[in-house]
């Protein structure tokens, strides 16, 4: 093979980065390997052989020159005179490195700026092999005016951002170093909640979704008493994609007893579906665990907590978050998205204009049904409170639920209304008892920190001076 002009080198042992002639023969014959094709980038002219262009194809170059070769054959023209120069207004210095890649040499980005230029032009020229190689390269970026910091290798190509910036001056270099340490699999000492929130904020900025899920406050455990895996998460950290429903096994259940099939019934059938809401952190967990939902910020009020039918009312952002969670659960059960009459929705501006509330879902009223059973650990006004049996309380056995006999207790012994500072709840799916839908979601108390009067809340206050 004759030596091509300019940057195209012979394709022998001295040409393609140590490749043999047999390896060159493996290059697809998209263009004639021995033919030289002119490409002018900016003010500089490059001449590449058909073998070089075909080595990373299909590309902008291969498509352009294939069209010219085909037209020349159709018109019976000589390729030596029929091939026209391809003019592209890009940086010739960057293309010098790209031409080395096309000739078989391995190119490595020198710094973050060089990486961005190579990556941008590799996409502009549609060079699939170079794009894939750059995704696997370790490059350097500057975070918070500290450089160089090694940029983590992405596991797969991501559509955005197309041109990753080599310099991020307004982020913390120390936090980014902690994130890199975590991405490599090493533990990082999270000093306090402020440090955790700063790490999470930068995770979201750099789009480290899997790492974000690992850093959010959570607790995974196996409950030996229930023989089930459990995960504790705050309501603000719940993602729609992680929610699922774990239905209890019903060996004798018929196919007509699905939630959608029983919606027309006036009373819940004996084989109404039951189960627990489960959750698996996206990008992290392989299988779901029973969800224990933590709701804090004194955004929960319990009505008649020691009575026969306690209810929970939510406020501020917790109200909308609980409503959206119930909407997702209803979707998982194939229930209609809302139970509001169509005329009422139209008169009020449509469903989109209404603030989300639990009552807008088929699984609950605005006041959500709750169970504060004997298994719940309740701190009321700073003291441990033992709940009496509720008429709703059930003990879940392996093949069903066994009702506990209700013991009447004087109403109001522990107050008719509680404000829950922080509460942890399981979400139980069961047949409804006279509700608007044959299926409902009940919050089963796990742990509550509540007060029944404002004096108990004031007792926990501290003075600004710390005295």
Foldseek 3Di string as FASTA:
>chain_A
DDADDDPAGDLDCVWQVRDHPVVLVPQDPLDPQADWAWEAEANDIDIYGSSLCSNFDDWQVSVVVSVQVVVCVVVVHDPVPSHDYHYHHDDVVLVVVVSSVSRNDDDAQPALVSLLRNQVVCVVGVRVVSNVVSLQHWHFAAEQNDDGDTDDRDPDDDVPDSRDHRYHNPADPVLVVQVVCVVVPHDDDQPDVVSLVSNLVVCVVVVVQLVNLVSADKDWDQDPVVRFIEMEHELVPDDLVFKAWDWADDPPDDPCQAQVNCFPPQAADPPHIKTFIWGDRPPYGPDTTFYKYKYADLQWKWFQQQAQWIWIAGDDPVFLSVLVVLQSHCVNSVHDNFDDDPVVQVVVPHPVVDRRGNCRGPAARNTATEAEAQQAFEQELNHTDGHFHHQPDWDDDNRGTDGDDGDDDDGQPQHRMKRWRMWIWIWMWDQDGSDSGRIHIYTYTHYTYIYRDVVSVVVPDADPVRD
